[in-house]
Amino acid sequence: MNKETDSLKILGALSDKTRFQIIDFLLDGRKCVCEIFPHVKKAQPTVSLHLRKLERWGIIKSKREGKRIFYEIKDWRVCDVFKVLGYQKGCTLKKECCMKKERRGKCE
């Protein structure tokens, strides 16, 4: 895929309110689906559907630990989008981005 297609995927993902809320919540770090669905105030099957889409698009990744599945941001450019939008969770704003260690200086 090219850069334009990747960028459109991220913007498309963020254009849905539920996916936007999920990604915003994941900016704090890894979360279990059992934490995500009450936060976005949607049914668990609905949230799981959105999580699968985000994972298929390469924006988040999952890891099973026992019976739980944990999700976290995979594509650091999501942090940049929130930063540009003025969110506190953007990389160089007040709160450290959940991806900062993986980005190795790309944040600044």
PDB file of N, CA and C in Angstrom:
ATOM      1  N   MET A   1       0.831  -1.188   0.000  1.00  0.00           N
ATOM      2  CA  MET A   1       0.000   0.000   0.000  1.00  0.00           C
ATOM      3  C   MET A   1       0.869   1.242   0.000  1.00  0.00           C
ATOM      4  N   ASN A   2       0.313   2.302  -0.552  1.00  0.00           N
ATOM      5  CA  ASN A   2       1.087   3.535  -0.592  1.00  0.00           C
ATOM      6  C   ASN A   2       0.724   4.440   0.576  1.00  0.00           C
ATOM      7  N   LYS A   3       1.482   5.495   0.719  1.00  0.00           N
ATOM      8  CA  LYS A   3       1.323   6.420   1.842  1.00  0.00           C
ATOM      9  C   LYS A   3      -0.065   7.053   1.855  1.00  0.00           C
ATOM     10  N   GLU A   4      -0.570   7.398   0.677  1.00  0.00           N
ATOM     11  CA  GLU A   4      -1.897   8.014   0.587  1.00  0.00           C
ATOM     12  C   GLU A   4      -2.985   7.061   1.068  1.00  0.00           C
ATOM     13  N   THR A   5      -2.915   5.812   0.649  1.00  0.00           N
ATOM     14  CA  THR A   5      -3.895   4.807   1.072  1.00  0.00           C
ATOM     15  C   THR A   5      -3.829   4.592   2.573  1.00  0.00           C
ATOM     16  N   ASP A   6      -2.622   4.505   3.123  1.00  0.00           N
ATOM     17  CA  ASP A   6      -2.457   4.345   4.568  1.00  0.00           C
ATOM     18  C   ASP A   6      -3.053   5.530   5.328  1.00  0.00           C
ATOM     19  N   SER A   7      -2.799   6.737   4.834  1.00  0.00           N
ATOM     20  CA  SER A   7      -3.325   7.943   5.483  1.00  0.00           C
ATOM     21  C   SER A   7      -4.846   7.965   5.446  1.00  0.00           C
ATOM     22  N   LEU A   8      -5.411   7.579   4.317  1.00  0.00           N
ATOM     23  CA  LEU A   8      -6.870   7.548   4.201  1.00  0.00           C
ATOM     24  C   LEU A   8      -7.479   6.512   5.138  1.00  0.00           C
ATOM     25  N   LYS A   9      -6.779   5.403   5.353  1.00  0.00           N
ATOM     26  CA  LYS A   9      -7.246   4.381   6.292  1.00  0.00           C
ATOM     27  C   LYS A   9      -7.341   4.944   7.704  1.00  0.00           C
ATOM     28  N   ILE A  10      -6.316   5.657   8.107  1.00  0.00           N
ATOM     29  CA  ILE A  10      -6.305   6.242   9.447  1.00  0.00           C
ATOM     30  C   ILE A  10      -7.424   7.268   9.584  1.00  0.00           C
ATOM     31  N   LEU A  11      -7.556   8.144   8.608  1.00  0.00           N
ATOM     32  CA  LEU A  11      -8.603   9.163   8.677  1.00  0.00           C
ATOM     33  C   LEU A  11      -9.992   8.537   8.624  1.00  0.00           C
ATOM     34  N   GLY A  12     -10.149   7.494   7.824  1.00  0.00           N
ATOM     35  CA  GLY A  12     -11.427   6.788   7.760  1.00  0.00           C
ATOM     36  C   GLY A  12     -11.765   6.133   9.085  1.00  0.00           C
ATOM     37  N   ALA A  13     -10.758   5.559   9.722  1.00  0.00           N
ATOM     38  CA  ALA A  13     -10.973   4.917  11.021  1.00  0.00           C
ATOM     39  C   ALA A  13     -11.416   5.943  12.048  1.00  0.00           C
ATOM     40  N   LEU A  14     -10.796   7.103  12.027  1.00  0.00           N
ATOM     41  CA  LEU A  14     -11.120   8.141  13.001  1.00  0.00           C
ATOM     42  C   LEU A  14     -12.423   8.873  12.687  1.00  0.00           C
ATOM     43  N   SER A  15     -12.959   8.678  11.490  1.00  0.00           N
ATOM     44  CA  SER A  15     -14.195   9.367  11.121  1.00  0.00           C
ATOM     45  C   SER A  15     -15.429   8.761  11.788  1.00  0.00           C
ATOM     46  N   ASP A  16     -15.282   7.572  12.343  1.00  0.00           N
ATOM     47  CA  ASP A  16     -16.385   6.934  13.068  1.00  0.00           C
ATOM     48  C   ASP A  16     -16.240   7.256  14.551  1.00  0.00           C
ATOM     49  N   LYS A  17     -17.322   7.722  15.175  1.00  0.00           N
ATOM     50  CA  LYS A  17     -17.272   8.162  16.574  1.00  0.00           C
ATOM     51  C   LYS A  17     -16.799   7.052  17.509  1.00  0.00           C
ATOM     52  N   THR A  18     -17.306   5.848  17.346  1.00  0.00           N
ATOM     53  CA  THR A  18     -16.918   4.747  18.232  1.00  0.00           C
ATOM     54  C   THR A  18     -15.443   4.414  18.068  1.00  0.00           C
ATOM     55  N   ARG A  19     -14.965   4.330  16.828  1.00  0.00           N
ATOM     56  CA  ARG A  19     -13.544   4.032  16.606  1.00  0.00           C
ATOM     57  C   ARG A  19     -12.660   5.161  17.132  1.00  0.00           C
ATOM     58  N   PHE A  20     -13.111   6.390  16.970  1.00  0.00           N
ATOM     59  CA  PHE A  20     -12.380   7.545  17.502  1.00  0.00           C
ATOM     60  C   PHE A  20     -12.244   7.412  19.023  1.00  0.00           C
ATOM     61  N   GLN A  21     -13.344   7.080  19.692  1.00  0.00           N
ATOM     62  CA  GLN A  21     -13.323   6.930  21.150  1.00  0.00           C
ATOM     63  C   GLN A  21     -12.419   5.773  21.575  1.00  0.00           C
ATOM     64  N   ILE A  22     -12.454   4.687  20.834  1.00  0.00           N
ATOM     65  CA  ILE A  22     -11.596   3.533  21.146  1.00  0.00           C
ATOM     66  C   ILE A  22     -10.129   3.929  21.047  1.00  0.00           C
ATOM     67  N   ILE A  23      -9.762   4.561  19.953  1.00  0.00           N
ATOM     68  CA  ILE A  23      -8.363   4.938  19.759  1.00  0.00           C
ATOM     69  C   ILE A  23      -7.937   5.964  20.797  1.00  0.00           C
ATOM     70  N   ASP A  24      -8.796   6.926  21.084  1.00  0.00           N
ATOM     71  CA  ASP A  24      -8.501   7.918  22.116  1.00  0.00           C
ATOM     72  C   ASP A  24      -8.225   7.225  23.454  1.00  0.00           C
ATOM     73  N   PHE A  25      -9.023   6.240  23.798  1.00  0.00           N
ATOM     74  CA  PHE A  25      -8.849   5.492  25.046  1.00  0.00           C
ATOM     75  C   PHE A  25      -7.541   4.704  25.026  1.00  0.00           C
ATOM     76  N   LEU A  26      -7.192   4.146  23.881  1.00  0.00           N
ATOM     77  CA  LEU A  26      -5.959   3.360  23.765  1.00  0.00           C
ATOM     78  C   LEU A  26      -4.701   4.221  23.792  1.00  0.00           C
ATOM     79  N   LEU A  27      -4.827   5.530  23.630  1.00  0.00           N
ATOM     80  CA  LEU A  27      -3.663   6.408  23.729  1.00  0.00           C
ATOM     81  C   LEU A  27      -3.058   6.372  25.129  1.00  0.00           C
ATOM     82  N   ASP A  28      -3.861   5.948  26.112  1.00  0.00           N
ATOM     83  CA  ASP A  28      -3.342   5.796  27.478  1.00  0.00           C
ATOM     84  C   ASP A  28      -2.536   4.518  27.635  1.00  0.00           C
ATOM     85  N   GLY A  29      -2.613   3.640  26.647  1.00  0.00           N
ATOM     86  CA  GLY A  29      -1.894   2.379  26.717  1.00  0.00           C
ATOM     87  C   GLY A  29      -2.824   1.199  26.484  1.00  0.00           C
ATOM     88  N   ARG A  30      -2.289   0.046  26.601  1.00  0.00           N
ATOM     89  CA  ARG A  30      -2.954  -1.221  26.334  1.00  0.00           C
ATOM     90  C   ARG A  30      -4.193  -1.395  27.206  1.00  0.00           C
ATOM     91  N   LYS A  31      -5.271  -1.881  26.582  1.00  0.00           N
ATOM     92  CA  LYS A  31      -6.530  -2.094  27.293  1.00  0.00           C
ATOM     93  C   LYS A  31      -7.169  -3.403  26.854  1.00  0.00           C
ATOM     94  N   CYS A  32      -7.890  -4.016  27.789  1.00  0.00           N
ATOM     95  CA  CYS A  32      -8.686  -5.204  27.506  1.00  0.00           C
ATOM     96  C   CYS A  32     -10.035  -4.748  26.954  1.00  0.00           C
ATOM     97  N   VAL A  33     -10.629  -5.582  26.109  1.00  0.00           N
ATOM     98  CA  VAL A  33     -11.946  -5.247  25.557  1.00  0.00           C
ATOM     99  C   VAL A  33     -12.951  -5.032  26.687  1.00  0.00           C
ATOM    100  N   CYS A  34     -12.759  -5.715  27.812  1.00  0.00           N
ATOM    101  CA  CYS A  34     -13.664  -5.548  28.950  1.00  0.00           C
ATOM    102  C   CYS A  34     -13.576  -4.141  29.545  1.00  0.00           C
ATOM    103  N   GLU A  35     -12.484  -3.421  29.288  1.00  0.00           N
ATOM    104  CA  GLU A  35     -12.343  -2.030  29.717  1.00  0.00           C
ATOM    105  C   GLU A  35     -12.847  -1.067  28.652  1.00  0.00           C
ATOM    106  N   ILE A  36     -12.726  -1.474  27.392  1.00  0.00           N
ATOM    107  CA  ILE A  36     -13.045  -0.578  26.283  1.00  0.00           C
ATOM    108  C   ILE A  36     -14.541  -0.377  26.113  1.00  0.00           C
ATOM    109  N   PHE A  37     -15.325  -1.470  26.088  1.00  0.00           N
ATOM    110  CA  PHE A  37     -16.735  -1.296  25.754  1.00  0.00           C
ATOM    111  C   PHE A  37     -17.509  -0.458  26.778  1.00  0.00           C
ATOM    112  N   PRO A  38     -17.231  -0.535  28.096  1.00  0.00           N
ATOM    113  CA  PRO A  38     -17.952   0.375  28.998  1.00  0.00           C
ATOM    114  C   PRO A  38     -17.534   1.835  28.790  1.00  0.00           C
ATOM    115  N   HIS A  39     -16.269   2.028  28.428  1.00  0.00           N
ATOM    116  CA  HIS A  39     -15.764   3.384  28.221  1.00  0.00           C
ATOM    117  C   HIS A  39     -16.461   4.075  27.049  1.00  0.00           C
ATOM    118  N   VAL A  40     -16.682   3.351  25.964  1.00  0.00           N
ATOM    119  CA  VAL A  40     -17.312   3.958  24.779  1.00  0.00           C
ATOM    120  C   VAL A  40     -18.843   3.845  24.820  1.00  0.00           C
ATOM    121  N   LYS A  41     -19.349   3.189  25.872  1.00  0.00           N
ATOM    122  CA  LYS A  41     -20.799   3.064  26.085  1.00  0.00           C
ATOM    123  C   LYS A  41     -21.512   2.401  24.907  1.00  0.00           C
ATOM    124  N   LYS A  42     -20.886   1.333  24.423  1.00  0.00           N
ATOM    125  CA  LYS A  42     -21.453   0.518  23.341  1.00  0.00           C
ATOM    126  C   LYS A  42     -21.436  -0.937  23.789  1.00  0.00           C
ATOM    127  N   ALA A  43     -22.265  -1.756  23.156  1.00  0.00           N
ATOM    128  CA  ALA A  43     -22.297  -3.182  23.464  1.00  0.00           C
ATOM    129  C   ALA A  43     -20.973  -3.840  23.085  1.00  0.00           C
ATOM    130  N   GLN A  44     -20.608  -4.867  23.809  1.00  0.00           N
ATOM    131  CA  GLN A  44     -19.343  -5.555  23.568  1.00  0.00           C
ATOM    132  C   GLN A  44     -19.222  -6.087  22.139  1.00  0.00           C
ATOM    133  N   PRO A  45     -20.275  -6.685  21.555  1.00  0.00           N
ATOM    134  CA  PRO A  45     -20.131  -7.148  20.164  1.00  0.00           C
ATOM    135  C   PRO A  45     -19.863  -6.006  19.175  1.00  0.00           C
ATOM    136  N   THR A  46     -20.470  -4.853  19.423  1.00  0.00           N
ATOM    137  CA  THR A  46     -20.241  -3.687  18.555  1.00  0.00           C
ATOM    138  C   THR A  46     -18.792  -3.233  18.652  1.00  0.00           C
ATOM    139  N   VAL A  47     -18.287  -3.159  19.866  1.00  0.00           N
ATOM    140  CA  VAL A  47     -16.898  -2.733  20.084  1.00  0.00           C
ATOM    141  C   VAL A  47     -15.942  -3.750  19.466  1.00  0.00           C
ATOM    142  N   SER A  48     -16.236  -5.019  19.627  1.00  0.00           N
ATOM    143  CA  SER A  48     -15.380  -6.058  19.045  1.00  0.00           C
ATOM    144  C   SER A  48     -15.314  -5.946  17.523  1.00  0.00           C
ATOM    145  N   LEU A  49     -16.422  -5.617  16.912  1.00  0.00           N
ATOM    146  CA  LEU A  49     -16.453  -5.419  15.452  1.00  0.00           C
ATOM    147  C   LEU A  49     -15.533  -4.274  15.052  1.00  0.00           C
ATOM    148  N   HIS A  50     -15.607  -3.165  15.773  1.00  0.00           N
ATOM    149  CA  HIS A  50     -14.741  -2.016  15.474  1.00  0.00           C
ATOM    150  C   HIS A  50     -13.275  -2.348  15.735  1.00  0.00           C
ATOM    151  N   LEU A  51     -13.009  -3.097  16.791  1.00  0.00           N
ATOM    152  CA  LEU A  51     -11.629  -3.498  17.087  1.00  0.00           C
ATOM    153  C   LEU A  51     -11.057  -4.371  15.974  1.00  0.00           C
ATOM    154  N   ARG A  52     -11.858  -5.278  15.460  1.00  0.00           N
ATOM    155  CA  ARG A  52     -11.400  -6.136  14.349  1.00  0.00           C
ATOM    156  C   ARG A  52     -11.066  -5.302  13.120  1.00  0.00           C
ATOM    157  N   LYS A  53     -11.918  -4.309  12.823  1.00  0.00           N
ATOM    158  CA  LYS A  53     -11.648  -3.433  11.669  1.00  0.00           C
ATOM    159  C   LYS A  53     -10.342  -2.677  11.875  1.00  0.00           C
ATOM    160  N   LEU A  54     -10.170  -2.101  13.051  1.00  0.00           N
ATOM    161  CA  LEU A  54      -8.953  -1.338  13.333  1.00  0.00           C
ATOM    162  C   LEU A  54      -7.709  -2.218  13.252  1.00  0.00           C
ATOM    163  N   GLU A  55      -7.843  -3.454  13.695  1.00  0.00           N
ATOM    164  CA  GLU A  55      -6.708  -4.372  13.618  1.00  0.00           C
ATOM    165  C   GLU A  55      -6.436  -4.773  12.170  1.00  0.00           C
ATOM    166  N   ARG A  56      -7.469  -5.039  11.417  1.00  0.00           N
ATOM    167  CA  ARG A  56      -7.306  -5.409  10.007  1.00  0.00           C
ATOM    168  C   ARG A  56      -6.651  -4.274   9.224  1.00  0.00           C
ATOM    169  N   TRP A  57      -6.941  -3.043   9.584  1.00  0.00           N
ATOM    170  CA  TRP A  57      -6.352  -1.883   8.902  1.00  0.00           C
ATOM    171  C   TRP A  57      -4.941  -1.578   9.390  1.00  0.00           C
ATOM    172  N   GLY A  58      -4.451  -2.323  10.384  1.00  0.00           N
ATOM    173  CA  GLY A  58      -3.090  -2.125  10.870  1.00  0.00           C
ATOM    174  C   GLY A  58      -2.927  -0.969  11.833  1.00  0.00           C
ATOM    175  N   ILE A  59      -4.013  -0.470  12.388  1.00  0.00           N
ATOM    176  CA  ILE A  59      -3.954   0.681  13.288  1.00  0.00           C
ATOM    177  C   ILE A  59      -3.709   0.241  14.724  1.00  0.00           C
ATOM    178  N   ILE A  60      -4.279  -0.894  15.112  1.00  0.00           N
ATOM    179  CA  ILE A  60      -4.057  -1.447  16.440  1.00  0.00           C
ATOM    180  C   ILE A  60      -3.588  -2.892  16.310  1.00  0.00           C
ATOM    181  N   LYS A  61      -3.131  -3.447  17.423  1.00  0.00           N
ATOM    182  CA  LYS A  61      -2.757  -4.857  17.456  1.00  0.00           C
ATOM    183  C   LYS A  61      -3.339  -5.465  18.724  1.00  0.00           C
ATOM    184  N   SER A  62      -3.466  -6.776  18.713  1.00  0.00           N
ATOM    185  CA  SER A  62      -4.032  -7.461  19.873  1.00  0.00           C
ATOM    186  C   SER A  62      -3.090  -8.549  20.356  1.00  0.00           C
ATOM    187  N   LYS A  63      -3.266  -8.896  21.627  1.00  0.00           N
ATOM    188  CA  LYS A  63      -2.498  -9.983  22.215  1.00  0.00           C
ATOM    189  C   LYS A  63      -3.393 -10.699  23.223  1.00  0.00           C
ATOM    190  N   ARG A  64      -3.518 -11.997  23.046  1.00  0.00           N
ATOM    191  CA  ARG A  64      -4.324 -12.796  23.972  1.00  0.00           C
ATOM    192  C   ARG A  64      -3.476 -13.161  25.179  1.00  0.00           C
ATOM    193  N   GLU A  65      -4.060 -12.973  26.349  1.00  0.00           N
ATOM    194  CA  GLU A  65      -3.441 -13.391  27.605  1.00  0.00           C
ATOM    195  C   GLU A  65      -4.504 -14.137  28.397  1.00  0.00           C
ATOM    196  N   GLY A  66      -4.424 -15.450  28.386  1.00  0.00           N
ATOM    197  CA  GLY A  66      -5.454 -16.267  29.016  1.00  0.00           C
ATOM    198  C   GLY A  66      -6.762 -16.111  28.262  1.00  0.00           C
ATOM    199  N   LYS A  67      -7.804 -15.736  28.973  1.00  0.00           N
ATOM    200  CA  LYS A  67      -9.110 -15.551  28.345  1.00  0.00           C
ATOM    201  C   LYS A  67      -9.320 -14.132  27.831  1.00  0.00           C
ATOM    202  N   ARG A  68      -8.423 -13.244  28.142  1.00  0.00           N
ATOM    203  CA  ARG A  68      -8.581 -11.834  27.765  1.00  0.00           C
ATOM    204  C   ARG A  68      -7.755 -11.494  26.529  1.00  0.00           C
ATOM    205  N   ILE A  69      -8.281 -10.541  25.762  1.00  0.00           N
ATOM    206  CA  ILE A  69      -7.555 -10.010  24.618  1.00  0.00           C
ATOM    207  C   ILE A  69      -7.289  -8.537  24.896  1.00  0.00           C
ATOM    208  N   PHE A  70      -6.032  -8.164  24.801  1.00  0.00           N
ATOM    209  CA  PHE A  70      -5.633  -6.783  25.037  1.00  0.00           C
ATOM    210  C   PHE A  70      -5.311  -6.121  23.702  1.00  0.00           C
ATOM    211  N   TYR A  71      -5.669  -4.844  23.599  1.00  0.00           N
ATOM    212  CA  TYR A  71      -5.457  -4.073  22.378  1.00  0.00           C
ATOM    213  C   TYR A  71      -4.570  -2.878  22.681  1.00  0.00           C
ATOM    214  N   GLU A  72      -3.755  -2.535  21.678  1.00  0.00           N
ATOM    215  CA  GLU A  72      -2.923  -1.337  21.790  1.00  0.00           C
ATOM    216  C   GLU A  72      -2.677  -0.765  20.405  1.00  0.00           C
ATOM    217  N   ILE A  73      -2.277   0.488  20.383  1.00  0.00           N
ATOM    218  CA  ILE A  73      -2.025   1.163  19.118  1.00  0.00           C
ATOM    219  C   ILE A  73      -0.772   0.581  18.476  1.00  0.00           C
ATOM    220  N   LYS A  74      -0.871   0.324  17.197  1.00  0.00           N
ATOM    221  CA  LYS A  74       0.254  -0.226  16.426  1.00  0.00           C
ATOM    222  C   LYS A  74       0.875   0.849  15.536  1.00  0.00           C
ATOM    223  N   ASP A  75       0.072   1.727  14.985  1.00  0.00           N
ATOM    224  CA  ASP A  75       0.541   2.741  14.040  1.00  0.00           C
ATOM    225  C   ASP A  75       0.720   4.074  14.769  1.00  0.00           C
ATOM    226  N   TRP A  76       1.956   4.481  14.980  1.00  0.00           N
ATOM    227  CA  TRP A  76       2.264   5.688  15.745  1.00  0.00           C
ATOM    228  C   TRP A  76       1.703   6.962  15.133  1.00  0.00           C
ATOM    229  N   ARG A  77       1.344   6.917  13.844  1.00  0.00           N
ATOM    230  CA  ARG A  77       0.810   8.132  13.218  1.00  0.00           C
ATOM    231  C   ARG A  77      -0.526   8.544  13.821  1.00  0.00           C
ATOM    232  N   VAL A  78      -1.204   7.602  14.466  1.00  0.00           N
ATOM    233  CA  VAL A  78      -2.464   7.927  15.144  1.00  0.00           C
ATOM    234  C   VAL A  78      -2.201   8.965  16.236  1.00  0.00           C
ATOM    235  N   CYS A  79      -1.086   8.808  16.966  1.00  0.00           N
ATOM    236  CA  CYS A  79      -0.724   9.793  17.997  1.00  0.00           C
ATOM    237  C   CYS A  79      -0.558  11.169  17.374  1.00  0.00           C
ATOM    238  N   ASP A  80       0.055  11.218  16.210  1.00  0.00           N
ATOM    239  CA  ASP A  80       0.265  12.498  15.538  1.00  0.00           C
ATOM    240  C   ASP A  80      -1.051  13.159  15.157  1.00  0.00           C
ATOM    241  N   VAL A  81      -2.013  12.368  14.721  1.00  0.00           N
ATOM    242  CA  VAL A  81      -3.320  12.931  14.354  1.00  0.00           C
ATOM    243  C   VAL A  81      -3.955  13.576  15.578  1.00  0.00           C
ATOM    244  N   PHE A  82      -3.935  12.889  16.707  1.00  0.00           N
ATOM    245  CA  PHE A  82      -4.506  13.454  17.932  1.00  0.00           C
ATOM    246  C   PHE A  82      -3.734  14.686  18.370  1.00  0.00           C
ATOM    247  N   LYS A  83      -2.435  14.666  18.193  1.00  0.00           N
ATOM    248  CA  LYS A  83      -1.602  15.824  18.544  1.00  0.00           C
ATOM    249  C   LYS A  83      -1.995  17.040  17.700  1.00  0.00           C
ATOM    250  N   VAL A  84      -2.150  16.826  16.408  1.00  0.00           N
ATOM    251  CA  VAL A  84      -2.538  17.917  15.509  1.00  0.00           C
ATOM    252  C   VAL A  84      -3.915  18.468  15.884  1.00  0.00           C
ATOM    253  N   LEU A  85      -4.788  17.579  16.349  1.00  0.00           N
ATOM    254  CA  LEU A  85      -6.127  18.000  16.758  1.00  0.00           C
ATOM    255  C   LEU A  85      -6.126  18.706  18.109  1.00  0.00           C
ATOM    256  N   GLY A  86      -4.976  18.739  18.780  1.00  0.00           N
ATOM    257  CA  GLY A  86      -4.851  19.458  20.037  1.00  0.00           C
ATOM    258  C   GLY A  86      -5.181  18.646  21.272  1.00  0.00           C
ATOM    259  N   TYR A  87      -5.253  17.337  21.142  1.00  0.00           N
ATOM    260  CA  TYR A  87      -5.559  16.502  22.290  1.00  0.00           C
ATOM    261  C   TYR A  87      -4.366  16.410  23.218  1.00  0.00           C
ATOM    262  N   GLN A  88      -4.626  16.352  24.504  1.00  0.00           N
ATOM    263  CA  GLN A  88      -3.580  16.262  25.520  1.00  0.00           C
ATOM    264  C   GLN A  88      -2.753  15.001  25.392  1.00  0.00           C
ATOM    265  N   LYS A  89      -3.297  13.983  24.761  1.00  0.00           N
ATOM    266  CA  LYS A  89      -2.603  12.702  24.689  1.00  0.00           C
ATOM    267  C   LYS A  89      -1.648  12.611  23.503  1.00  0.00           C
ATOM    268  N   GLY A  90      -1.545  13.654  22.712  1.00  0.00           N
ATOM    269  CA  GLY A  90      -0.603  13.646  21.599  1.00  0.00           C
ATOM    270  C   GLY A  90       0.820  13.555  22.118  1.00  0.00           C
ATOM    271  N   CYS A  91       1.706  13.091  21.303  1.00  0.00           N
ATOM    272  CA  CYS A  91       3.066  12.746  21.724  1.00  0.00           C
ATOM    273  C   CYS A  91       3.810  13.789  22.541  1.00  0.00           C
ATOM    274  N   THR A  92       3.898  15.000  22.069  1.00  0.00           N
ATOM    275  CA  THR A  92       4.751  15.962  22.760  1.00  0.00           C
ATOM    276  C   THR A  92       3.956  16.915  23.637  1.00  0.00           C
ATOM    277  N   LEU A  93       2.674  16.650  23.805  1.00  0.00           N
ATOM    278  CA  LEU A  93       1.891  17.490  24.694  1.00  0.00           C
ATOM    279  C   LEU A  93       2.079  17.026  26.133  1.00  0.00           C
ATOM    280  N   LYS A  94       1.233  17.413  27.044  1.00  0.00           N
ATOM    281  CA  LYS A  94       1.441  17.166  28.465  1.00  0.00           C
ATOM    282  C   LYS A  94       1.600  15.693  28.825  1.00  0.00           C
ATOM    283  N   LYS A  95       0.869  14.824  28.173  1.00  0.00           N
ATOM    284  CA  LYS A  95       0.912  13.413  28.515  1.00  0.00           C
ATOM    285  C   LYS A  95       1.745  12.660  27.486  1.00  0.00           C
ATOM    286  N   GLU A  96       2.574  11.755  27.944  1.00  0.00           N
ATOM    287  CA  GLU A  96       3.416  10.981  27.033  1.00  0.00           C
ATOM    288  C   GLU A  96       2.574  10.011  26.214  1.00  0.00           C
ATOM    289  N   CYS A  97       2.842   9.948  24.952  1.00  0.00           N
ATOM    290  CA  CYS A  97       2.152   9.038  24.038  1.00  0.00           C
ATOM    291  C   CYS A  97       2.479   7.600  24.386  1.00  0.00           C
ATOM    292  N   CYS A  98       1.486   6.729  24.255  1.00  0.00           N
ATOM    293  CA  CYS A  98       1.698   5.311  24.547  1.00  0.00           C
ATOM    294  C   CYS A  98       2.722   4.687  23.603  1.00  0.00           C
ATOM    295  N   MET A  99       3.005   5.302  22.491  1.00  0.00           N
ATOM    296  CA  MET A  99       3.911   4.753  21.485  1.00  0.00           C
ATOM    297  C   MET A  99       5.313   5.363  21.559  1.00  0.00           C
ATOM    298  N   LYS A 100       5.563   6.267  22.471  1.00  0.00           N
ATOM    299  CA  LYS A 100       6.804   7.028  22.467  1.00  0.00           C
ATOM    300  C   LYS A 100       8.056   6.142  22.444  1.00  0.00           C
ATOM    301  N   LYS A 101       8.093   5.095  23.235  1.00  0.00           N
ATOM    302  CA  LYS A 101       9.284   4.230  23.287  1.00  0.00           C
ATOM    303  C   LYS A 101       9.523   3.537  21.954  1.00  0.00           C
ATOM    304  N   GLU A 102       8.452   3.137  21.293  1.00  0.00           N
ATOM    305  CA  GLU A 102       8.579   2.416  20.019  1.00  0.00           C
ATOM    306  C   GLU A 102       8.964   3.349  18.877  1.00  0.00           C
ATOM    307  N   ARG A 103       8.672   4.617  19.011  1.00  0.00           N
ATOM    308  CA  ARG A 103       8.877   5.552  17.915  1.00  0.00           C
ATOM    309  C   ARG A 103      10.315   5.996  17.784  1.00  0.00           C
ATOM    310  N   ARG A 104      11.070   5.910  18.854  1.00  0.00           N
ATOM    311  CA  ARG A 104      12.491   6.268  18.858  1.00  0.00           C
ATOM    312  C   ARG A 104      12.762   7.626  18.212  1.00  0.00           C
ATOM    313  N   GLY A 105      12.225   8.653  18.824  1.00  0.00           N
ATOM    314  CA  GLY A 105      12.523  10.011  18.380  1.00  0.00           C
ATOM    315  C   GLY A 105      11.608  10.543  17.294  1.00  0.00           C
ATOM    316  N   LYS A 106      10.709   9.754  16.761  1.00  0.00           N
ATOM    317  CA  LYS A 106       9.824  10.242  15.696  1.00  0.00           C
ATOM    318  C   LYS A 106       8.771  11.206  16.237  1.00  0.00           C
ATOM    319  N   CYS A 107       8.608  11.230  17.546  1.00  0.00           N
ATOM    320  CA  CYS A 107       7.603  12.058  18.192  1.00  0.00           C
ATOM    321  C   CYS A 107       7.941  13.541  18.099  1.00  0.00           C
ATOM    322  N   GLU A 108       9.185  13.867  18.281  1.00  0.00           N
ATOM    323  CA  GLU A 108       9.585  15.264  18.373  1.00  0.00           C
ATOM    324  C   GLU A 108       9.548  15.973  17.053  1.00  0.00           C
TER     325      GLU A 108
END
